[in-house]
PDB file of N, CA and C in Angstrom:
ATOM      1  N   MET A   1      96.560 105.399 165.915  1.00  0.00           N
ATOM      2  CA  MET A   1      97.538 104.349 165.693  1.00  0.00           C
ATOM      3  C   MET A   1      98.778 104.623 166.531  1.00  0.00           C
ATOM      4  N   GLY A   2      98.632 105.285 167.653  1.00  0.00           N
ATOM      5  CA  GLY A   2      99.760 105.560 168.529  1.00  0.00           C
ATOM      6  C   GLY A   2     100.079 104.390 169.429  1.00  0.00           C
ATOM      7  N   LEU A   3     100.977 104.632 170.354  1.00  0.00           N
ATOM      8  CA  LEU A   3     101.363 103.585 171.293  1.00  0.00           C
ATOM      9  C   LEU A   3     100.334 103.500 172.415  1.00  0.00           C
ATOM     10  N   SER A   4      99.829 102.321 172.622  1.00  0.00           N
ATOM     11  CA  SER A   4      98.887 102.119 173.719  1.00  0.00           C
ATOM     12  C   SER A   4      99.652 101.670 174.959  1.00  0.00           C
ATOM     13  N   ALA A   5      98.951 101.530 176.061  1.00  0.00           N
ATOM     14  CA  ALA A   5      99.573 101.093 177.310  1.00  0.00           C
ATOM     15  C   ALA A   5     100.162  99.696 177.160  1.00  0.00           C
ATOM     16  N   THR A   6      99.507  98.850 176.398  1.00  0.00           N
ATOM     17  CA  THR A   6     100.009  97.486 176.182  1.00  0.00           C
ATOM     18  C   THR A   6     101.328  97.520 175.419  1.00  0.00           C
ATOM     19  N   HIS A   7     101.392  98.345 174.382  1.00  0.00           N
ATOM     20  CA  HIS A   7     102.628  98.462 173.609  1.00  0.00           C
ATOM     21  C   HIS A   7     103.775  98.955 174.488  1.00  0.00           C
ATOM     22  N   LEU A   8     103.512  99.958 175.325  1.00  0.00           N
ATOM     23  CA  LEU A   8     104.549 100.492 176.202  1.00  0.00           C
ATOM     24  C   LEU A   8     105.014  99.451 177.214  1.00  0.00           C
ATOM     25  N   LEU A   9     104.089  98.657 177.744  1.00  0.00           N
ATOM     26  CA  LEU A   9     104.434  97.618 178.702  1.00  0.00           C
ATOM     27  C   LEU A   9     105.311  96.550 178.055  1.00  0.00           C
ATOM     28  N   ILE A  10     104.962  96.148 176.850  1.00  0.00           N
ATOM     29  CA  ILE A  10     105.772  95.161 176.124  1.00  0.00           C
ATOM     30  C   ILE A  10     107.150  95.729 175.815  1.00  0.00           C
ATOM     31  N   LEU A  11     107.218  96.978 175.411  1.00  0.00           N
ATOM     32  CA  LEU A  11     108.494  97.627 175.126  1.00  0.00           C
ATOM     33  C   LEU A  11     109.364  97.690 176.377  1.00  0.00           C
ATOM     34  N   LEU A  12     108.778  98.045 177.503  1.00  0.00           N
ATOM     35  CA  LEU A  12     109.505  98.089 178.770  1.00  0.00           C
ATOM     36  C   LEU A  12     110.020  96.712 179.150  1.00  0.00           C
ATOM     37  N   LEU A  13     109.215  95.690 178.967  1.00  0.00           N
ATOM     38  CA  LEU A  13     109.610  94.321 179.273  1.00  0.00           C
ATOM     39  C   LEU A  13     110.786  93.888 178.399  1.00  0.00           C
ATOM     40  N   VAL A  14     110.758  94.220 177.131  1.00  0.00           N
ATOM     41  CA  VAL A  14     111.852  93.871 176.220  1.00  0.00           C
ATOM     42  C   VAL A  14     113.139  94.587 176.627  1.00  0.00           C
ATOM     43  N   VAL A  15     113.044  95.857 176.983  1.00  0.00           N
ATOM     44  CA  VAL A  15     114.226  96.612 177.402  1.00  0.00           C
ATOM     45  C   VAL A  15     114.829  96.007 178.663  1.00  0.00           C
ATOM     46  N   VAL A  16     113.997  95.649 179.622  1.00  0.00           N
ATOM     47  CA  VAL A  16     114.492  95.048 180.865  1.00  0.00           C
ATOM     48  C   VAL A  16     115.133  93.697 180.578  1.00  0.00           C
ATOM     49  N   LEU A  17     114.528  92.915 179.697  1.00  0.00           N
ATOM     50  CA  LEU A  17     115.109  91.613 179.356  1.00  0.00           C
ATOM     51  C   LEU A  17     116.438  91.753 178.631  1.00  0.00           C
ATOM     52  N   LEU A  18     116.550  92.749 177.764  1.00  0.00           N
ATOM     53  CA  LEU A  18     117.794  92.935 177.008  1.00  0.00           C
ATOM     54  C   LEU A  18     118.935  93.455 177.883  1.00  0.00           C
ATOM     55  N   PHE A  19     118.637  94.445 178.686  1.00  0.00           N
ATOM     56  CA  PHE A  19     119.689  95.107 179.434  1.00  0.00           C
ATOM     57  C   PHE A  19     119.811  94.620 180.881  1.00  0.00           C
ATOM     58  N   GLY A  20     118.763  94.105 181.435  1.00  0.00           N
ATOM     59  CA  GLY A  20     118.787  93.665 182.821  1.00  0.00           C
ATOM     60  C   GLY A  20     118.556  94.838 183.764  1.00  0.00           C
ATOM     61  N   ARG A  21     118.035  94.527 184.950  1.00  0.00           N
ATOM     62  CA  ARG A  21     117.711  95.578 185.911  1.00  0.00           C
ATOM     63  C   ARG A  21     118.961  96.288 186.407  1.00  0.00           C
ATOM     64  N   ASN A  22     120.032  95.538 186.651  1.00  0.00           N
ATOM     65  CA  ASN A  22     121.256  96.150 187.189  1.00  0.00           C
ATOM     66  C   ASN A  22     121.864  97.137 186.200  1.00  0.00           C
ATOM     67  N   LYS A  23     121.877  96.773 184.948  1.00  0.00           N
ATOM     68  CA  LYS A  23     122.455  97.650 183.927  1.00  0.00           C
ATOM     69  C   LYS A  23     121.664  98.960 183.828  1.00  0.00           C
ATOM     70  N   ILE A  24     120.343  98.870 183.895  1.00  0.00           N
ATOM     71  CA  ILE A  24     119.507 100.063 183.802  1.00  0.00           C
ATOM     72  C   ILE A  24     119.701 100.946 185.030  1.00  0.00           C
ATOM     73  N   SER A  25     119.763 100.340 186.230  1.00  0.00           N
ATOM     74  CA  SER A  25     119.956 101.148 187.438  1.00  0.00           C
ATOM     75  C   SER A  25     121.347 101.790 187.446  1.00  0.00           C
ATOM     76  N   ASP A  26     122.359 101.079 186.935  1.00  0.00           N
ATOM     77  CA  ASP A  26     123.699 101.673 186.819  1.00  0.00           C
ATOM     78  C   ASP A  26     123.681 102.864 185.868  1.00  0.00           C
ATOM     79  N   LEU A  27     122.967 102.722 184.775  1.00  0.00           N
ATOM     80  CA  LEU A  27     122.857 103.800 183.791  1.00  0.00           C
ATOM     81  C   LEU A  27     122.172 105.019 184.398  1.00  0.00           C
ATOM     82  N   MET A  28     121.090 104.793 185.151  1.00  0.00           N
ATOM     83  CA  MET A  28     120.380 105.906 185.788  1.00  0.00           C
ATOM     84  C   MET A  28     121.264 106.570 186.850  1.00  0.00           C
ATOM     85  N   GLY A  29     122.074 105.781 187.558  1.00  0.00           N
ATOM     86  CA  GLY A  29     123.004 106.351 188.539  1.00  0.00           C
ATOM     87  C   GLY A  29     124.041 107.236 187.865  1.00  0.00           C
ATOM     88  N   ASP A  30     124.528 106.794 186.711  1.00  0.00           N
ATOM     89  CA  ASP A  30     125.489 107.601 185.955  1.00  0.00           C
ATOM     90  C   ASP A  30     124.868 108.902 185.477  1.00  0.00           C
ATOM     91  N   VAL A  31     123.630 108.830 185.041  1.00  0.00           N
ATOM     92  CA  VAL A  31     122.930 110.037 184.592  1.00  0.00           C
ATOM     93  C   VAL A  31     122.757 111.005 185.760  1.00  0.00           C
ATOM     94  N   ALA A  32     122.391 110.475 186.919  1.00  0.00           N
ATOM     95  CA  ALA A  32     122.204 111.325 188.099  1.00  0.00           C
ATOM     96  C   ALA A  32     123.521 111.984 188.510  1.00  0.00           C
ATOM     97  N   ARG A  33     124.626 111.238 188.472  1.00  0.00           N
ATOM     98  CA  ARG A  33     125.938 111.821 188.801  1.00  0.00           C
ATOM     99  C   ARG A  33     126.326 112.903 187.797  1.00  0.00           C
ATOM    100  N   GLY A  34     125.993 112.683 186.531  1.00  0.00           N
ATOM    101  CA  GLY A  34     126.292 113.687 185.514  1.00  0.00           C
ATOM    102  C   GLY A  34     125.516 114.972 185.741  1.00  0.00           C
ATOM    103  N   ILE A  35     124.243 114.840 186.093  1.00  0.00           N
ATOM    104  CA  ILE A  35     123.425 116.029 186.360  1.00  0.00           C
ATOM    105  C   ILE A  35     123.942 116.763 187.586  1.00  0.00           C
ATOM    106  N   LYS A  36     124.308 116.007 188.623  1.00  0.00           N
ATOM    107  CA  LYS A  36     124.823 116.620 189.850  1.00  0.00           C
ATOM    108  C   LYS A  36     126.131 117.364 189.572  1.00  0.00           C
ATOM    109  N   SER A  37     126.993 116.756 188.763  1.00  0.00           N
ATOM    110  CA  SER A  37     128.257 117.390 188.404  1.00  0.00           C
ATOM    111  C   SER A  37     128.020 118.664 187.589  1.00  0.00           C
ATOM    112  N   PHE A  38     127.056 118.627 186.690  1.00  0.00           N
ATOM    113  CA  PHE A  38     126.725 119.788 185.880  1.00  0.00           C
ATOM    114  C   PHE A  38     126.237 120.940 186.757  1.00  0.00           C
ATOM    115  N   LYS A  39     125.335 120.632 187.706  1.00  0.00           N
ATOM    116  CA  LYS A  39     124.828 121.666 188.606  1.00  0.00           C
ATOM    117  C   LYS A  39     125.934 122.239 189.472  1.00  0.00           C
ATOM    118  N   LYS A  40     126.869 121.378 189.921  1.00  0.00           N
ATOM    119  CA  LYS A  40     127.991 121.845 190.733  1.00  0.00           C
ATOM    120  C   LYS A  40     128.875 122.786 189.918  1.00  0.00           C
ATOM    121  N   GLY A  41     129.094 122.451 188.658  1.00  0.00           N
ATOM    122  CA  GLY A  41     129.889 123.309 187.781  1.00  0.00           C
ATOM    123  C   GLY A  41     129.235 124.664 187.575  1.00  0.00           C
ATOM    124  N   LEU A  42     127.922 124.681 187.430  1.00  0.00           N
ATOM    125  CA  LEU A  42     127.222 125.955 187.280  1.00  0.00           C
ATOM    126  C   LEU A  42     127.327 126.791 188.543  1.00  0.00           C
ATOM    127  N   ALA A  43     127.220 126.144 189.705  1.00  0.00           N
ATOM    128  CA  ALA A  43     127.302 126.870 190.971  1.00  0.00           C
ATOM    129  C   ALA A  43     128.708 127.442 191.166  1.00  0.00           C
ATOM    130  N   GLU A  44     129.733 126.684 190.789  1.00  0.00           N
ATOM    131  CA  GLU A  44     131.106 127.179 190.910  1.00  0.00           C
ATOM    132  C   GLU A  44     131.346 128.350 189.972  1.00  0.00           C
ATOM    133  N   GLU A  45     130.756 128.299 188.788  1.00  0.00           N
ATOM    134  CA  GLU A  45     130.925 129.382 187.824  1.00  0.00           C
ATOM    135  C   GLU A  45     130.315 130.675 188.353  1.00  0.00           C
ATOM    136  N   GLU A  46     129.148 130.560 188.998  1.00  0.00           N
ATOM    137  CA  GLU A  46     128.495 131.745 189.546  1.00  0.00           C
ATOM    138  C   GLU A  46     129.262 132.304 190.732  1.00  0.00           C
ATOM    139  N   ALA A  47     129.926 131.439 191.505  1.00  0.00           N
ATOM    140  CA  ALA A  47     130.631 131.864 192.711  1.00  0.00           C
ATOM    141  C   ALA A  47     132.057 132.332 192.417  1.00  0.00           C
ATOM    142  N   SER A  48     132.548 132.105 191.205  1.00  0.00           N
ATOM    143  CA  SER A  48     133.920 132.477 190.890  1.00  0.00           C
ATOM    144  C   SER A  48     134.069 133.997 190.848  1.00  0.00           C
ATOM    145  N   PRO A  49     135.266 134.493 191.172  1.00  0.00           N
ATOM    146  CA  PRO A  49     135.467 135.944 191.143  1.00  0.00           C
ATOM    147  C   PRO A  49     135.346 136.482 189.721  1.00  0.00           C
ATOM    148  N   PRO A  50     134.985 137.737 189.583  1.00  0.00           N
ATOM    149  CA  PRO A  50     134.839 138.298 188.243  1.00  0.00           C
ATOM    150  C   PRO A  50     136.183 138.372 187.527  1.00  0.00           C
ATOM    151  N   SER A  51     136.123 138.302 186.229  1.00  0.00           N
ATOM    152  CA  SER A  51     137.354 138.357 185.447  1.00  0.00           C
ATOM    153  C   SER A  51     137.876 139.797 185.401  1.00  0.00           C
ATOM    154  N   PRO A  52     139.172 139.970 185.178  1.00  0.00           N
ATOM    155  CA  PRO A  52     139.739 141.326 185.104  1.00  0.00           C
ATOM    156  C   PRO A  52     139.152 142.162 183.976  1.00  0.00           C
ATOM    157  N   ALA A  53     138.582 141.521 182.964  1.00  0.00           N
ATOM    158  CA  ALA A  53     138.005 142.264 181.848  1.00  0.00           C
ATOM    159  C   ALA A  53     136.572 142.707 182.136  1.00  0.00           C
ATOM    160  N   ASP A  54     136.044 142.344 183.284  1.00  0.00           N
ATOM    161  CA  ASP A  54     134.683 142.725 183.660  1.00  0.00           C
ATOM    162  C   ASP A  54     134.623 144.244 183.816  1.00  0.00           C
ATOM    163  N   PRO A  55     133.649 144.922 183.211  1.00  0.00           N
ATOM    164  CA  PRO A  55     133.570 146.391 183.299  1.00  0.00           C
ATOM    165  C   PRO A  55     133.495 146.903 184.733  1.00  0.00           C
ATOM    166  N   LYS A  56     132.846 146.156 185.624  1.00  0.00           N
ATOM    167  CA  LYS A  56     132.763 146.588 187.013  1.00  0.00           C
ATOM    168  C   LYS A  56     134.142 146.589 187.663  1.00  0.00           C
ATOM    169  N   VAL A  57     134.953 145.582 187.351  1.00  0.00           N
ATOM    170  CA  VAL A  57     136.299 145.493 187.913  1.00  0.00           C
ATOM    171  C   VAL A  57     137.157 146.628 187.385  1.00  0.00           C
ATOM    172  N   ILE A  58     137.040 146.911 186.085  1.00  0.00           N
ATOM    173  CA  ILE A  58     137.815 147.992 185.474  1.00  0.00           C
ATOM    174  C   ILE A  58     137.412 149.326 186.090  1.00  0.00           C
ATOM    175  N   ASP A  59     136.101 149.550 186.279  1.00  0.00           N
ATOM    176  CA  ASP A  59     135.605 150.793 186.851  1.00  0.00           C
ATOM    177  C   ASP A  59     136.105 150.955 188.291  1.00  0.00           C
ATOM    178  N   ASN A  60     136.065 149.874 189.076  1.00  0.00           N
ATOM    179  CA  ASN A  60     136.550 149.933 190.456  1.00  0.00           C
ATOM    180  C   ASN A  60     138.049 150.229 190.494  1.00  0.00           C
ATOM    181  N   ALA A  61     138.806 149.638 189.590  1.00  0.00           N
ATOM    182  CA  ALA A  61     140.241 149.886 189.548  1.00  0.00           C
ATOM    183  C   ALA A  61     140.523 151.339 189.185  1.00  0.00           C
ATOM    184  N   ALA A  62     139.743 151.893 188.273  1.00  0.00           N
ATOM    185  CA  ALA A  62     139.934 153.294 187.891  1.00  0.00           C
ATOM    186  C   ALA A  62     139.600 154.216 189.058  1.00  0.00           C
ATOM    187  N   GLN A  63     138.555 153.908 189.803  1.00  0.00           N
ATOM    188  CA  GLN A  63     138.195 154.721 190.964  1.00  0.00           C
ATOM    189  C   GLN A  63     139.284 154.651 192.039  1.00  0.00           C
ATOM    190  N   GLU A  64     139.819 153.451 192.272  1.00  0.00           N
ATOM    191  CA  GLU A  64     140.879 153.304 193.272  1.00  0.00           C
ATOM    192  C   GLU A  64     142.123 154.087 192.858  1.00  0.00           C
ATOM    193  N   ALA A  65     142.455 154.040 191.572  1.00  0.00           N
ATOM    194  CA  ALA A  65     143.622 154.772 191.090  1.00  0.00           C
ATOM    195  C   ALA A  65     143.407 156.279 191.250  1.00  0.00           C
ATOM    196  N   ALA A  66     142.205 156.763 190.976  1.00  0.00           N
ATOM    197  CA  ALA A  66     141.923 158.174 191.121  1.00  0.00           C
ATOM    198  C   ALA A  66     142.006 158.586 192.588  1.00  0.00           C
ATOM    199  N   GLU A  67     141.536 157.765 193.490  1.00  0.00           N
ATOM    200  CA  GLU A  67     141.624 158.058 194.913  1.00  0.00           C
ATOM    201  C   GLU A  67     143.078 158.102 195.384  1.00  0.00           C
ATOM    202  N   ARG A  68     143.894 157.194 194.865  1.00  0.00           N
ATOM    203  CA  ARG A  68     145.322 157.197 195.235  1.00  0.00           C
ATOM    204  C   ARG A  68     145.999 158.478 194.752  1.00  0.00           C
ATOM    205  N   ASP A  69     145.649 158.883 193.519  1.00  0.00           N
ATOM    206  CA  ASP A  69     146.226 160.118 192.977  1.00  0.00           C
ATOM    207  C   ASP A  69     145.820 161.321 193.809  1.00  0.00           C
ATOM    208  N   ARG A  70     144.559 161.370 194.234  1.00  0.00           N
ATOM    209  CA  ARG A  70     144.094 162.475 195.057  1.00  0.00           C
ATOM    210  C   ARG A  70     144.802 162.495 196.419  1.00  0.00           C
ATOM    211  N   SER A  71     145.004 161.313 196.989  1.00  0.00           N
ATOM    212  CA  SER A  71     145.649 161.267 198.295  1.00  0.00           C
ATOM    213  C   SER A  71     147.120 161.645 198.197  1.00  0.00           C
ATOM    214  N   LYS A  72     147.773 161.346 197.084  1.00  0.00           N
ATOM    215  CA  LYS A  72     149.179 161.724 196.891  1.00  0.00           C
ATOM    216  C   LYS A  72     149.283 163.231 196.679  1.00  0.00           C
ATOM    217  N   ALA A  73     148.319 163.812 195.974  1.00  0.00           N
ATOM    218  CA  ALA A  73     148.355 165.238 195.670  1.00  0.00           C
ATOM    219  C   ALA A  73     148.023 166.069 196.914  1.00  0.00           C
ATOM    220  N   GLY A  74     147.253 165.535 197.826  1.00  0.00           N
ATOM    221  CA  GLY A  74     146.764 166.304 198.970  1.00  0.00           C
ATOM    222  C   GLY A  74     147.620 166.271 200.164  1.00  0.00           C
TER     223      GLY A  74
END
């Protein structure tokens, strides 16, 4: 008792009649822009510099400070 191909075709026809082709294509364009914006945001997040609280940054800062102390002492 599921949806057959005929039921899906009738449903698609009703949706197109209610909303019109232009409205549906505008909606799909908006969805595509949203996905593109989301992917761009993810790419920017990955490319952003590490935060100061990142353990690697803290470790590098500690190593640099130790090197400066050694160079001042020597």
